[in-house]
Structures are given as C-alpha cells and as structure tokens.
Amino acid sequence: MRDKAITIGYYEKLGFNIIGNYEGYLMVTKDEIEIHFFEYKNLNPLENYGQVYIRVEDIAKYYQILLDSNVLIHPNGALQQKPWGQKEFAVLDPDHNLLTFGQSL
C-alpha cells in the first residue's frame, strides 16, 4: 500500500474491519478472510501484479452491496459464471491489487 488512510477507507467500503494498524503495516479482516499490507510509498500501481482470490457465500448479494456502495468493479470483472464452475467478480484496490471474489456453483 502506498497510503494507509486510502487503503483503510477502501477496504472499509468493501466491508472489512481493521484488526491491526501499525507503523508501515495494516491488517484487515472480513468473515474468515485476513489480508495484511505493508507500506511501499514508491509503489507504481501500474506495475503491481498483486492478486488474491476470496471465496464468498451469496456472491450476488455481496456484489449488489458493493454496487450500492459505489465500489468500482474491474472493467473486465463483472459478476458472471465461469466455465470452471465459479461465479466471480473482481475489483482493483487503489494500489491495483486485484481482488477476485468467487462462489462455487
């Protein structure tokens, strides 16, 4: 993360709670998910290839919550059924970490 305050604001919008906020380090959680961030002020988001796959229940409901909260969905990541038996959507956080949310069909 380049800016902790921006990261906190974004992940709170996704429904995550802050469980650790230390100098240069941040931990967020939602349900059974825990994500850790370290500060990297010189990160070029366009060169960041960080990604995580998060399994969720009732993905359509969560997707709608994010839409209602004005969270931008990745241009190629709208909610859709995939050939590998998952229903998925994706977002990019402010530092271009790709978060793909999926539910087994």
Protein backbone atom coordinates (compact mmCIF):
# COMPACT_ATOMS: atom_id res chain seq x y z
CA MET A 1 0.00 0.00 0.00
CA ARG A 2 1.16 3.49 -0.76
CA ASP A 3 -1.17 5.35 1.59
CA LYS A 4 -2.59 3.64 4.66
CA ALA A 5 -5.54 6.02 5.08
CA ILE A 6 -6.67 5.42 1.48
CA THR A 7 -6.28 1.65 1.90
CA ILE A 8 -8.30 1.69 5.12
CA GLY A 9 -11.08 3.71 3.52
CA TYR A 10 -11.27 1.40 0.52
CA TYR A 11 -11.32 -1.85 2.48
CA GLU A 12 -13.88 -0.49 4.93
CA LYS A 13 -16.08 0.23 1.90
CA LEU A 14 -15.68 -3.47 0.99
CA GLY A 15 -16.90 -4.40 4.49
CA PHE A 16 -13.52 -5.23 6.05
CA ASN A 17 -12.61 -4.30 9.63
CA ILE A 18 -9.21 -3.06 10.79
CA ILE A 19 -7.60 -5.54 13.19
CA GLY A 20 -4.06 -4.17 13.19
CA ASN A 21 -2.75 -0.72 12.39
CA TYR A 22 0.97 -0.33 12.98
CA GLU A 23 3.77 1.81 11.61
CA GLY A 24 4.07 0.72 7.98
CA TYR A 25 1.73 -2.26 8.41
CA LEU A 26 -2.01 -2.85 8.23
CA MET A 27 -4.25 -5.89 8.79
CA VAL A 28 -7.90 -6.12 7.73
CA THR A 29 -10.47 -8.88 8.14
CA LYS A 30 -13.90 -9.88 6.89
CA ASP A 31 -15.56 -13.14 7.85
CA GLU A 32 -12.77 -15.76 7.59
CA ILE A 33 -10.53 -13.55 5.42
CA GLU A 34 -7.48 -11.70 6.72
CA ILE A 35 -5.30 -9.54 4.48
CA HIS A 36 -2.01 -7.91 5.51
CA PHE A 37 -0.45 -4.88 3.83
CA PHE A 38 2.98 -3.34 4.15
CA GLU A 39 3.74 0.26 3.29
CA TYR A 40 5.50 0.83 0.00
CA LYS A 41 5.28 4.54 -0.78
CA ASN A 42 7.18 4.22 -4.08
CA LEU A 43 4.88 1.54 -5.47
CA ASN A 44 3.84 2.19 -9.05
CA PRO A 45 0.27 0.81 -9.17
CA LEU A 46 0.56 0.16 -12.90
CA GLU A 47 3.46 -2.23 -12.17
CA ASN A 48 1.72 -4.01 -9.28
CA TYR A 49 0.59 -7.55 -10.00
CA GLY A 50 -0.69 -8.39 -6.51
CA GLN A 51 -3.79 -10.52 -6.52
CA VAL A 52 -5.91 -12.59 -4.19
CA TYR A 53 -8.89 -14.91 -4.69
CA ILE A 54 -11.57 -14.68 -1.99
CA ARG A 55 -14.33 -17.27 -1.71
CA VAL A 56 -17.65 -15.86 -0.51
CA GLU A 57 -21.17 -17.06 0.11
CA ASP A 58 -24.14 -15.34 -1.56
CA ILE A 59 -21.92 -13.61 -4.08
CA ALA A 60 -24.84 -11.91 -5.85
CA LYS A 61 -25.84 -10.17 -2.61
CA TYR A 62 -22.26 -9.06 -1.87
CA TYR A 63 -21.85 -7.83 -5.45
CA GLN A 64 -25.02 -5.74 -5.13
CA ILE A 65 -23.84 -4.31 -1.78
CA LEU A 66 -20.63 -3.15 -3.46
CA LEU A 67 -22.52 -1.66 -6.40
CA ASP A 68 -24.83 0.16 -3.98
CA SER A 69 -21.74 1.48 -2.17
CA ASN A 70 -20.33 2.81 -5.47
CA VAL A 71 -17.36 0.44 -5.44
CA LEU A 72 -15.91 0.31 -8.94
CA ILE A 73 -15.96 -3.16 -10.43
CA HIS A 74 -12.99 -4.09 -12.64
CA PRO A 75 -13.86 -3.26 -16.28
CA ASN A 76 -13.43 -6.95 -17.19
CA GLY A 77 -14.67 -8.25 -13.85
CA ALA A 78 -18.46 -8.01 -13.76
CA LEU A 79 -20.30 -10.80 -11.96
CA GLN A 80 -20.51 -13.81 -14.23
CA GLN A 81 -20.49 -17.57 -14.28
CA LYS A 82 -17.14 -19.01 -15.31
CA PRO A 83 -16.51 -22.29 -17.19
CA TRP A 84 -14.56 -23.64 -14.19
CA GLY A 85 -17.68 -23.79 -12.01
CA GLN A 86 -17.39 -20.48 -10.19
CA LYS A 87 -19.46 -17.32 -10.17
CA GLU A 88 -17.00 -14.42 -9.90
CA PHE A 89 -16.38 -10.69 -9.99
CA ALA A 90 -13.27 -8.59 -9.48
CA VAL A 91 -12.17 -5.18 -8.20
CA LEU A 92 -8.87 -3.30 -8.17
CA ASP A 93 -7.92 -1.57 -4.94
CA PRO A 94 -6.25 1.87 -5.01
CA ASP A 95 -2.82 0.24 -5.43
CA HIS A 96 -4.05 -2.10 -8.19
CA ASN A 97 -4.13 -5.24 -6.08
CA LEU A 98 -6.66 -7.42 -7.88
CA LEU A 99 -9.31 -8.96 -5.63
CA THR A 100 -11.42 -11.64 -7.27
CA PHE A 101 -14.46 -12.80 -5.31
CA GLY A 102 -15.87 -16.21 -6.17
CA GLN A 103 -18.54 -18.69 -5.17
CA SER A 104 -18.73 -22.32 -6.23
CA LEU A 105 -21.78 -23.22 -8.28
